[in-house]
Amino acid sequence: MSRVGKKPISLPGNVKAGLKNSLVKIEGPKGNLEYFLPLGISAEIKDGEILVKRSSDSKEHKSLHGLARSLINNMVKGVTEGFVKQLEIVGVGFRAQVQGKHLDLQLGYSHTLHYPIPEGITMETPKPTQIFIKGIDKFKVGQVAAEVRSLRKPEPYKGKGIRYAGEYIRRKAGKTVG
């Protein structure tokens, strides 16, 4: 059996879980999330825990078993704590600012980039060179962070651009004068 898939998911007291056919609904203090279980995977709510089961031992069902359990666990964590991705901006004159429903970025281009903030995501800029992306859906938070980072990826010579907090950028040596 899948080591990840057979672990039960414990539900905190402030989280409600519902199961209808193959639709799993999780409600918590931060919001609601839904997930359709793949074919061959089932779930059971018992004694404040969610157990994920599979119908056979085929390779496909084994891989989906652990995936479904991880996704449901992330839903429970999302509606209780939420997820945060932190981005750093490196470069002279590079800065970000939240303006209503847009993130305005000045990244060395001749114009300001306006990134629309998707529904279910909140962004904060405590400093002009920091961006906090928050939300209850782990996938959506990661996707938005990747899209914002792709607007100006860190370059290998000076390290200028948008990077994840704590990300290491491998630097290249520049031209040598000789």
N, C-alpha and C. Protein backbone atom coordinates (compact mmCIF):
# COMPACT_ATOMS: atom_id res chain seq x y z
N MET A 1 0.83 -1.19 0.00
CA MET A 1 0.00 0.00 0.00
C MET A 1 0.87 1.25 0.00
N SER A 2 0.32 2.32 -0.51
CA SER A 2 1.03 3.59 -0.53
C SER A 2 1.26 4.08 0.89
N ARG A 3 2.48 4.43 1.20
CA ARG A 3 2.78 4.91 2.56
C ARG A 3 2.07 6.23 2.83
N VAL A 4 2.03 7.08 1.81
CA VAL A 4 1.35 8.36 1.97
C VAL A 4 -0.15 8.15 2.00
N GLY A 5 -0.66 7.34 1.08
CA GLY A 5 -2.10 7.17 0.93
C GLY A 5 -2.79 6.53 2.11
N LYS A 6 -2.10 5.67 2.86
CA LYS A 6 -2.78 4.97 3.95
C LYS A 6 -2.83 5.78 5.24
N LYS A 7 -2.13 6.91 5.32
CA LYS A 7 -2.19 7.74 6.52
C LYS A 7 -3.55 8.42 6.60
N PRO A 8 -4.20 8.40 7.75
CA PRO A 8 -5.47 9.13 7.87
C PRO A 8 -5.22 10.64 7.98
N ILE A 9 -6.18 11.41 7.50
CA ILE A 9 -6.10 12.87 7.58
C ILE A 9 -6.96 13.30 8.75
N SER A 10 -6.36 13.89 9.77
CA SER A 10 -7.15 14.32 10.93
C SER A 10 -7.77 15.68 10.65
N LEU A 11 -9.03 15.82 11.06
CA LEU A 11 -9.76 17.06 10.87
C LEU A 11 -9.79 17.85 12.17
N PRO A 12 -9.29 19.10 12.16
CA PRO A 12 -9.39 19.93 13.36
C PRO A 12 -10.86 20.21 13.69
N GLY A 13 -11.12 20.68 14.89
CA GLY A 13 -12.50 20.91 15.34
C GLY A 13 -13.25 21.95 14.53
N ASN A 14 -12.55 22.94 13.97
CA ASN A 14 -13.23 24.00 13.24
C ASN A 14 -13.37 23.71 11.74
N VAL A 15 -13.10 22.47 11.32
CA VAL A 15 -13.18 22.09 9.91
C VAL A 15 -14.29 21.06 9.73
N LYS A 16 -15.13 21.29 8.72
CA LYS A 16 -16.20 20.35 8.37
C LYS A 16 -15.87 19.71 7.03
N ALA A 17 -16.06 18.42 6.94
CA ALA A 17 -15.81 17.69 5.70
C ALA A 17 -17.09 17.02 5.25
N GLY A 18 -17.32 17.05 3.95
CA GLY A 18 -18.49 16.39 3.38
C GLY A 18 -18.07 15.55 2.19
N LEU A 19 -18.82 14.46 1.98
CA LEU A 19 -18.50 13.54 0.89
C LEU A 19 -19.78 13.19 0.16
N LYS A 20 -19.83 13.47 -1.14
CA LYS A 20 -21.00 13.15 -1.94
C LYS A 20 -20.51 12.53 -3.23
N ASN A 21 -20.78 11.24 -3.42
CA ASN A 21 -20.25 10.46 -4.53
C ASN A 21 -18.72 10.57 -4.54
N SER A 22 -18.14 11.23 -5.52
CA SER A 22 -16.68 11.36 -5.53
C SER A 22 -16.24 12.80 -5.29
N LEU A 23 -17.13 13.63 -4.76
CA LEU A 23 -16.80 15.03 -4.47
C LEU A 23 -16.52 15.20 -2.98
N VAL A 24 -15.31 15.68 -2.67
CA VAL A 24 -14.93 15.94 -1.28
C VAL A 24 -15.01 17.45 -1.06
N LYS A 25 -15.78 17.86 -0.04
CA LYS A 25 -15.92 19.28 0.29
C LYS A 25 -15.32 19.52 1.67
N ILE A 26 -14.47 20.53 1.76
CA ILE A 26 -13.84 20.89 3.03
C ILE A 26 -14.21 22.34 3.33
N GLU A 27 -14.77 22.59 4.52
CA GLU A 27 -15.12 23.94 4.94
C GLU A 27 -14.37 24.27 6.21
N GLY A 28 -13.78 25.47 6.24
CA GLY A 28 -13.04 25.89 7.42
C GLY A 28 -13.18 27.38 7.64
N PRO A 29 -12.45 27.91 8.61
CA PRO A 29 -12.57 29.34 8.92
C PRO A 29 -12.10 30.26 7.79
N LYS A 30 -11.21 29.80 6.92
CA LYS A 30 -10.71 30.67 5.85
C LYS A 30 -11.47 30.52 4.54
N GLY A 31 -12.30 29.47 4.40
CA GLY A 31 -13.06 29.30 3.16
C GLY A 31 -13.43 27.86 2.89
N ASN A 32 -13.88 27.61 1.66
CA ASN A 32 -14.34 26.29 1.23
C ASN A 32 -13.54 25.83 0.02
N LEU A 33 -13.24 24.52 -0.04
CA LEU A 33 -12.56 23.93 -1.19
C LEU A 33 -13.25 22.63 -1.56
N GLU A 34 -13.20 22.29 -2.85
CA GLU A 34 -13.79 21.04 -3.35
C GLU A 34 -12.77 20.30 -4.20
N TYR A 35 -12.91 18.96 -4.21
CA TYR A 35 -12.01 18.12 -5.01
C TYR A 35 -12.77 16.87 -5.46
N PHE A 36 -12.70 16.58 -6.76
CA PHE A 36 -13.28 15.35 -7.30
C PHE A 36 -12.25 14.24 -7.24
N LEU A 37 -12.58 13.16 -6.57
CA LEU A 37 -11.67 12.02 -6.48
C LEU A 37 -11.56 11.34 -7.84
N PRO A 38 -10.38 10.88 -8.23
CA PRO A 38 -10.23 10.16 -9.50
C PRO A 38 -10.92 8.79 -9.45
N LEU A 39 -11.16 8.21 -10.61
CA LEU A 39 -11.78 6.89 -10.68
C LEU A 39 -10.91 5.86 -9.98
N GLY A 40 -11.53 4.99 -9.21
CA GLY A 40 -10.79 3.96 -8.50
C GLY A 40 -10.33 4.39 -7.11
N ILE A 41 -10.55 5.63 -6.74
CA ILE A 41 -10.18 6.14 -5.42
C ILE A 41 -11.45 6.55 -4.69
N SER A 42 -11.54 6.16 -3.43
CA SER A 42 -12.70 6.53 -2.61
C SER A 42 -12.23 7.09 -1.29
N ALA A 43 -13.13 7.78 -0.61
CA ALA A 43 -12.79 8.37 0.69
C ALA A 43 -13.90 8.04 1.68
N GLU A 44 -13.54 8.08 2.95
CA GLU A 44 -14.48 7.74 4.02
C GLU A 44 -14.19 8.67 5.20
N ILE A 45 -15.24 9.27 5.75
CA ILE A 45 -15.07 10.14 6.90
C ILE A 45 -15.54 9.37 8.13
N LYS A 46 -14.61 9.21 9.10
CA LYS A 46 -14.93 8.42 10.28
C LYS A 46 -14.16 8.96 11.48
N ASP A 47 -14.84 9.24 12.57
CA ASP A 47 -14.22 9.66 13.84
C ASP A 47 -13.29 10.87 13.68
N GLY A 48 -13.72 11.88 12.93
CA GLY A 48 -12.90 13.08 12.78
C GLY A 48 -11.67 12.88 11.90
N GLU A 49 -11.69 11.83 11.08
CA GLU A 49 -10.58 11.56 10.17
C GLU A 49 -11.11 11.21 8.80
N ILE A 50 -10.31 11.49 7.79
CA ILE A 50 -10.64 11.10 6.42
C ILE A 50 -9.67 10.00 6.01
N LEU A 51 -10.23 8.88 5.56
CA LEU A 51 -9.41 7.77 5.08
C LEU A 51 -9.59 7.67 3.57
N VAL A 52 -8.49 7.62 2.83
CA VAL A 52 -8.52 7.50 1.38
C VAL A 52 -8.18 6.06 1.03
N LYS A 53 -9.01 5.45 0.18
CA LYS A 53 -8.81 4.05 -0.21
C LYS A 53 -8.79 3.92 -1.72
N ARG A 54 -8.20 2.82 -2.20
CA ARG A 54 -8.16 2.55 -3.63
C ARG A 54 -8.84 1.22 -3.91
N SER A 55 -9.31 1.07 -5.15
CA SER A 55 -10.08 -0.13 -5.49
C SER A 55 -9.20 -1.31 -5.91
N SER A 56 -7.99 -1.07 -6.41
CA SER A 56 -7.12 -2.17 -6.83
C SER A 56 -5.66 -1.81 -6.57
N ASP A 57 -4.78 -2.75 -6.83
CA ASP A 57 -3.36 -2.53 -6.64
C ASP A 57 -2.63 -2.24 -7.95
N SER A 58 -3.35 -1.71 -8.94
CA SER A 58 -2.70 -1.37 -10.20
C SER A 58 -1.77 -0.18 -9.98
N LYS A 59 -0.80 -0.04 -10.87
CA LYS A 59 0.19 1.03 -10.73
C LYS A 59 -0.49 2.40 -10.75
N GLU A 60 -1.49 2.56 -11.61
CA GLU A 60 -2.20 3.84 -11.71
C GLU A 60 -2.93 4.16 -10.41
N HIS A 61 -3.63 3.19 -9.85
CA HIS A 61 -4.37 3.42 -8.61
C HIS A 61 -3.44 3.68 -7.43
N LYS A 62 -2.29 3.01 -7.42
CA LYS A 62 -1.33 3.25 -6.34
C LYS A 62 -0.83 4.69 -6.36
N SER A 63 -0.52 5.19 -7.56
CA SER A 63 -0.01 6.56 -7.66
C SER A 63 -1.11 7.59 -7.35
N LEU A 64 -2.33 7.33 -7.79
CA LEU A 64 -3.44 8.25 -7.51
C LEU A 64 -3.84 8.24 -6.04
N HIS A 65 -3.59 7.12 -5.36
CA HIS A 65 -3.94 6.99 -3.94
C HIS A 65 -3.19 8.03 -3.11
N GLY A 66 -1.87 8.07 -3.25
CA GLY A 66 -1.07 9.04 -2.50
C GLY A 66 -1.35 10.47 -2.92
N LEU A 67 -1.57 10.67 -4.22
CA LEU A 67 -1.87 12.01 -4.73
C LEU A 67 -3.17 12.54 -4.13
N ALA A 68 -4.22 11.73 -4.16
CA ALA A 68 -5.53 12.17 -3.64
C ALA A 68 -5.43 12.50 -2.16
N ARG A 69 -4.71 11.68 -1.40
CA ARG A 69 -4.55 11.92 0.03
C ARG A 69 -3.81 13.23 0.28
N SER A 70 -2.74 13.49 -0.49
CA SER A 70 -1.97 14.72 -0.33
C SER A 70 -2.80 15.95 -0.68
N LEU A 71 -3.59 15.86 -1.75
CA LEU A 71 -4.42 16.99 -2.15
C LEU A 71 -5.49 17.31 -1.10
N ILE A 72 -6.11 16.28 -0.53
CA ILE A 72 -7.13 16.50 0.50
C ILE A 72 -6.47 17.06 1.76
N ASN A 73 -5.29 16.56 2.11
CA ASN A 73 -4.57 17.08 3.27
C ASN A 73 -4.22 18.56 3.08
N ASN A 74 -3.80 18.94 1.86
CA ASN A 74 -3.50 20.34 1.56
C ASN A 74 -4.75 21.20 1.64
N MET A 75 -5.91 20.64 1.28
CA MET A 75 -7.16 21.38 1.40
C MET A 75 -7.47 21.68 2.86
N VAL A 76 -7.28 20.68 3.72
CA VAL A 76 -7.53 20.87 5.16
C VAL A 76 -6.58 21.91 5.72
N LYS A 77 -5.31 21.83 5.35
CA LYS A 77 -4.32 22.80 5.82
C LYS A 77 -4.64 24.20 5.29
N GLY A 78 -5.11 24.28 4.06
CA GLY A 78 -5.42 25.56 3.43
C GLY A 78 -6.57 26.29 4.10
N VAL A 79 -7.64 25.57 4.45
CA VAL A 79 -8.79 26.24 5.06
C VAL A 79 -8.56 26.57 6.53
N THR A 80 -7.52 25.99 7.15
CA THR A 80 -7.22 26.33 8.54
C THR A 80 -6.11 27.38 8.63
N GLU A 81 -4.97 27.14 7.98
CA GLU A 81 -3.82 28.03 8.08
C GLU A 81 -3.63 28.90 6.85
N GLY A 82 -3.86 28.37 5.68
CA GLY A 82 -3.59 29.07 4.43
C GLY A 82 -2.15 28.83 3.99
N PHE A 83 -1.84 29.27 2.79
CA PHE A 83 -0.50 29.10 2.22
C PHE A 83 0.06 30.45 1.83
N VAL A 84 1.39 30.59 1.95
CA VAL A 84 2.06 31.85 1.63
C VAL A 84 3.31 31.54 0.80
N LYS A 85 3.50 32.30 -0.27
CA LYS A 85 4.75 32.27 -1.04
C LYS A 85 5.33 33.68 -0.97
N GLN A 86 6.63 33.76 -0.72
CA GLN A 86 7.28 35.05 -0.62
C GLN A 86 8.25 35.21 -1.77
N LEU A 87 8.15 36.35 -2.46
CA LEU A 87 9.04 36.66 -3.56
C LEU A 87 9.89 37.87 -3.20
N GLU A 88 11.13 37.90 -3.69
CA GLU A 88 12.03 39.03 -3.48
C GLU A 88 12.38 39.61 -4.84
N ILE A 89 12.49 40.93 -4.88
CA ILE A 89 12.87 41.61 -6.12
C ILE A 89 14.28 42.18 -5.92
N VAL A 90 15.18 41.85 -6.84
CA VAL A 90 16.57 42.32 -6.76
C VAL A 90 16.87 43.11 -8.02
N GLY A 91 17.35 44.33 -7.84
CA GLY A 91 17.73 45.17 -8.98
C GLY A 91 17.52 46.63 -8.64
N VAL A 92 18.36 47.48 -9.18
CA VAL A 92 18.25 48.92 -8.92
C VAL A 92 17.01 49.46 -9.61
N GLY A 93 16.13 50.09 -8.85
CA GLY A 93 14.91 50.66 -9.40
C GLY A 93 13.79 49.66 -9.58
N PHE A 94 14.01 48.40 -9.24
CA PHE A 94 12.96 47.39 -9.36
C PHE A 94 12.09 47.46 -8.11
N ARG A 95 10.77 47.54 -8.29
CA ARG A 95 9.88 47.57 -7.14
C ARG A 95 8.48 47.11 -7.52
N ALA A 96 7.71 46.79 -6.47
CA ALA A 96 6.34 46.32 -6.65
C ALA A 96 5.43 47.07 -5.70
N GLN A 97 4.17 47.18 -6.09
CA GLN A 97 3.18 47.87 -5.26
C GLN A 97 1.80 47.33 -5.63
N VAL A 98 0.98 47.05 -4.62
CA VAL A 98 -0.38 46.59 -4.86
C VAL A 98 -1.27 47.82 -5.02
N GLN A 99 -1.97 47.89 -6.14
CA GLN A 99 -2.90 48.98 -6.43
C GLN A 99 -4.28 48.38 -6.71
N GLY A 100 -5.12 48.32 -5.67
CA GLY A 100 -6.45 47.75 -5.86
C GLY A 100 -6.38 46.27 -6.20
N LYS A 101 -6.85 45.91 -7.39
CA LYS A 101 -6.86 44.51 -7.82
C LYS A 101 -5.72 44.19 -8.78
N HIS A 102 -4.67 45.04 -8.78
CA HIS A 102 -3.52 44.82 -9.64
C HIS A 102 -2.23 44.91 -8.82
N LEU A 103 -1.24 44.17 -9.28
CA LEU A 103 0.10 44.30 -8.75
C LEU A 103 0.90 45.05 -9.80
N ASP A 104 1.36 46.25 -9.44
CA ASP A 104 2.15 47.06 -10.36
C ASP A 104 3.63 46.78 -10.12
N LEU A 105 4.33 46.42 -11.20
CA LEU A 105 5.74 46.05 -11.11
C LEU A 105 6.56 46.94 -12.02
N GLN A 106 7.63 47.50 -11.47
CA GLN A 106 8.60 48.23 -12.27
C GLN A 106 9.88 47.40 -12.26
N LEU A 107 10.16 46.78 -13.42
CA LEU A 107 11.23 45.79 -13.49
C LEU A 107 12.28 46.12 -14.54
N GLY A 108 12.51 47.40 -14.77
CA GLY A 108 13.55 47.79 -15.71
C GLY A 108 13.07 47.89 -17.14
N TYR A 109 11.80 47.65 -17.39
CA TYR A 109 11.25 47.83 -18.72
C TYR A 109 10.85 49.29 -18.88
N SER A 110 10.51 49.70 -20.09
CA SER A 110 10.14 51.09 -20.34
C SER A 110 8.75 51.41 -19.81
N HIS A 111 8.02 50.39 -19.38
CA HIS A 111 6.65 50.59 -18.90
C HIS A 111 6.44 49.80 -17.60
N THR A 112 5.38 50.15 -16.89
CA THR A 112 5.02 49.44 -15.67
C THR A 112 4.18 48.23 -16.04
N LEU A 113 4.48 47.08 -15.46
CA LEU A 113 3.69 45.86 -15.70
C LEU A 113 2.54 45.82 -14.69
N HIS A 114 1.34 45.50 -15.17
CA HIS A 114 0.16 45.39 -14.31
C HIS A 114 -0.27 43.93 -14.30
N TYR A 115 -0.09 43.25 -13.17
CA TYR A 115 -0.50 41.85 -13.05
C TYR A 115 -1.82 41.80 -12.29
N PRO A 116 -2.91 41.33 -12.93
CA PRO A 116 -4.20 41.26 -12.23
C PRO A 116 -4.16 40.17 -11.15
N ILE A 117 -4.61 40.51 -9.95
CA ILE A 117 -4.63 39.55 -8.85
C ILE A 117 -5.85 38.65 -9.01
N PRO A 118 -5.66 37.32 -9.13
CA PRO A 118 -6.78 36.41 -9.32
C PRO A 118 -7.68 36.34 -8.08
N GLU A 119 -8.90 35.89 -8.30
CA GLU A 119 -9.85 35.73 -7.21
C GLU A 119 -9.37 34.62 -6.27
N GLY A 120 -9.48 34.84 -4.98
CA GLY A 120 -9.05 33.85 -4.00
C GLY A 120 -7.60 34.03 -3.57
N ILE A 121 -6.91 35.02 -4.14
CA ILE A 121 -5.51 35.29 -3.81
C ILE A 121 -5.41 36.71 -3.28
N THR A 122 -4.61 36.88 -2.22
CA THR A 122 -4.32 38.22 -1.74
C THR A 122 -2.82 38.45 -1.84
N MET A 123 -2.45 39.67 -2.14
CA MET A 123 -1.03 40.02 -2.25
C MET A 123 -0.74 41.20 -1.34
N GLU A 124 0.45 41.16 -0.75
CA GLU A 124 0.91 42.25 0.10
C GLU A 124 2.32 42.61 -0.32
N THR A 125 2.65 43.90 -0.20
CA THR A 125 4.01 44.36 -0.44
C THR A 125 4.45 45.19 0.77
N PRO A 126 4.96 44.51 1.84
CA PRO A 126 5.40 45.24 3.02
C PRO A 126 6.58 46.17 2.72
N LYS A 127 7.43 45.77 1.79
CA LYS A 127 8.53 46.59 1.30
C LYS A 127 8.40 46.62 -0.22
N PRO A 128 8.94 47.62 -0.87
CA PRO A 128 8.84 47.65 -2.34
C PRO A 128 9.55 46.48 -3.03
N THR A 129 10.42 45.78 -2.30
CA THR A 129 11.16 44.67 -2.90
C THR A 129 10.69 43.31 -2.39
N GLN A 130 9.55 43.26 -1.72
CA GLN A 130 9.00 41.99 -1.22
C GLN A 130 7.56 41.85 -1.66
N ILE A 131 7.17 40.63 -2.04
CA ILE A 131 5.79 40.33 -2.40
C ILE A 131 5.37 39.09 -1.63
N PHE A 132 4.26 39.18 -0.89
CA PHE A 132 3.68 38.02 -0.22
C PHE A 132 2.42 37.63 -0.97
N ILE A 133 2.34 36.38 -1.40
CA ILE A 133 1.17 35.86 -2.10
C ILE A 133 0.50 34.87 -1.16
N LYS A 134 -0.77 35.13 -0.80
CA LYS A 134 -1.48 34.31 0.18
C LYS A 134 -2.78 33.79 -0.41
N GLY A 135 -3.18 32.59 0.06
CA GLY A 135 -4.43 32.00 -0.37
C GLY A 135 -4.66 30.67 0.32
N ILE A 136 -5.84 30.07 0.07
CA ILE A 136 -6.15 28.79 0.71
C ILE A 136 -5.88 27.61 -0.22
N ASP A 137 -5.75 27.86 -1.52
CA ASP A 137 -5.49 26.79 -2.48
C ASP A 137 -4.00 26.76 -2.80
N LYS A 138 -3.32 25.70 -2.38
CA LYS A 138 -1.86 25.60 -2.54
C LYS A 138 -1.45 25.69 -4.00
N PHE A 139 -2.19 25.03 -4.88
CA PHE A 139 -1.85 25.04 -6.30
C PHE A 139 -1.96 26.45 -6.87
N LYS A 140 -3.03 27.14 -6.53
CA LYS A 140 -3.25 28.49 -7.07
C LYS A 140 -2.18 29.46 -6.58
N VAL A 141 -1.81 29.36 -5.30
CA VAL A 141 -0.78 30.24 -4.74
C VAL A 141 0.55 30.00 -5.46
N GLY A 142 0.92 28.74 -5.66
CA GLY A 142 2.16 28.41 -6.36
C GLY A 142 2.14 28.85 -7.81
N GLN A 143 0.99 28.70 -8.46
CA GLN A 143 0.87 29.09 -9.87
C GLN A 143 1.02 30.60 -10.04
N VAL A 144 0.37 31.37 -9.16
CA VAL A 144 0.47 32.83 -9.24
C VAL A 144 1.91 33.27 -8.96
N ALA A 145 2.56 32.65 -7.98
CA ALA A 145 3.95 32.99 -7.67
C ALA A 145 4.85 32.71 -8.87
N ALA A 146 4.62 31.60 -9.55
CA ALA A 146 5.42 31.26 -10.73
C ALA A 146 5.17 32.24 -11.87
N GLU A 147 3.92 32.69 -12.04
CA GLU A 147 3.60 33.65 -13.10
C GLU A 147 4.26 35.00 -12.82
N VAL A 148 4.20 35.45 -11.56
CA VAL A 148 4.83 36.74 -11.22
C VAL A 148 6.35 36.63 -11.40
N ARG A 149 6.94 35.52 -10.99
CA ARG A 149 8.39 35.32 -11.15
C ARG A 149 8.78 35.31 -12.62
N SER A 150 7.93 34.77 -13.47
CA SER A 150 8.26 34.66 -14.90
C SER A 150 8.26 36.02 -15.61
N LEU A 151 7.73 37.07 -14.96
CA LEU A 151 7.75 38.40 -15.57
C LEU A 151 9.17 38.94 -15.69
N ARG A 152 10.06 38.54 -14.78
CA ARG A 152 11.48 38.91 -14.87
C ARG A 152 12.27 37.89 -14.04
N LYS A 153 12.61 36.77 -14.68
CA LYS A 153 13.37 35.73 -13.98
C LYS A 153 14.75 36.25 -13.61
N PRO A 154 15.34 35.74 -12.53
CA PRO A 154 16.67 36.19 -12.14
C PRO A 154 17.71 35.80 -13.20
N GLU A 155 18.55 36.76 -13.56
CA GLU A 155 19.55 36.46 -14.57
C GLU A 155 20.86 36.03 -13.88
N PRO A 156 21.69 35.23 -14.54
CA PRO A 156 22.83 34.60 -13.85
C PRO A 156 24.06 35.50 -13.65
N TYR A 157 24.11 36.69 -14.25
CA TYR A 157 25.31 37.50 -14.14
C TYR A 157 25.29 38.45 -12.94
N LYS A 158 24.21 39.17 -12.77
CA LYS A 158 24.10 40.07 -11.62
C LYS A 158 23.04 39.61 -10.62
N GLY A 159 22.21 38.65 -11.00
CA GLY A 159 21.17 38.14 -10.11
C GLY A 159 19.93 39.01 -10.07
N LYS A 160 19.78 39.95 -11.01
CA LYS A 160 18.64 40.84 -11.02
C LYS A 160 17.39 40.10 -11.48
N GLY A 161 16.26 40.43 -10.86
CA GLY A 161 15.00 39.84 -11.25
C GLY A 161 14.16 39.49 -10.03
N ILE A 162 13.12 38.68 -10.25
CA ILE A 162 12.24 38.26 -9.17
C ILE A 162 12.59 36.82 -8.82
N ARG A 163 12.81 36.56 -7.53
CA ARG A 163 13.14 35.21 -7.08
C ARG A 163 12.31 34.85 -5.86
N TYR A 164 12.21 33.56 -5.60
CA TYR A 164 11.56 33.10 -4.37
C TYR A 164 12.45 33.44 -3.19
N ALA A 165 11.86 33.67 -2.03
CA ALA A 165 12.65 33.98 -0.84
C ALA A 165 13.53 32.78 -0.51
N GLY A 166 14.81 33.03 -0.36
CA GLY A 166 15.75 31.97 -0.04
C GLY A 166 16.25 31.19 -1.24
N GLU A 167 15.81 31.53 -2.45
CA GLU A 167 16.25 30.82 -3.65
C GLU A 167 17.70 31.18 -3.96
N TYR A 168 18.49 30.18 -4.30
CA TYR A 168 19.88 30.39 -4.65
C TYR A 168 19.99 30.52 -6.16
N ILE A 169 20.62 31.58 -6.61
CA ILE A 169 20.83 31.80 -8.04
C ILE A 169 22.29 31.52 -8.35
N ARG A 170 22.55 30.54 -9.20
CA ARG A 170 23.92 30.21 -9.58
C ARG A 170 24.44 31.32 -10.48
N ARG A 171 25.53 31.92 -10.07
CA ARG A 171 26.09 33.06 -10.79
C ARG A 171 27.17 32.61 -11.75
N LYS A 172 27.24 33.30 -12.87
CA LYS A 172 28.27 33.05 -13.87
C LYS A 172 29.32 34.14 -13.80
N ALA A 173 30.53 33.82 -14.19
CA ALA A 173 31.57 34.83 -14.27
C ALA A 173 31.34 35.66 -15.53
N GLY A 174 31.60 36.95 -15.45
CA GLY A 174 31.43 37.82 -16.61
C GLY A 174 32.62 37.72 -17.53
N LYS A 175 32.71 38.66 -18.44
CA LYS A 175 33.84 38.69 -19.36
C LYS A 175 35.11 39.05 -18.61
N THR A 176 36.20 38.47 -19.02
CA THR A 176 37.49 38.83 -18.41
C THR A 176 38.25 39.74 -19.36
N VAL A 177 38.88 40.73 -18.77
CA VAL A 177 39.65 41.67 -19.59
C VAL A 177 41.07 41.14 -19.67
N GLY A 178 41.59 40.99 -20.87
CA GLY A 178 42.91 40.41 -20.93
C GLY A 178 43.65 40.67 -22.15
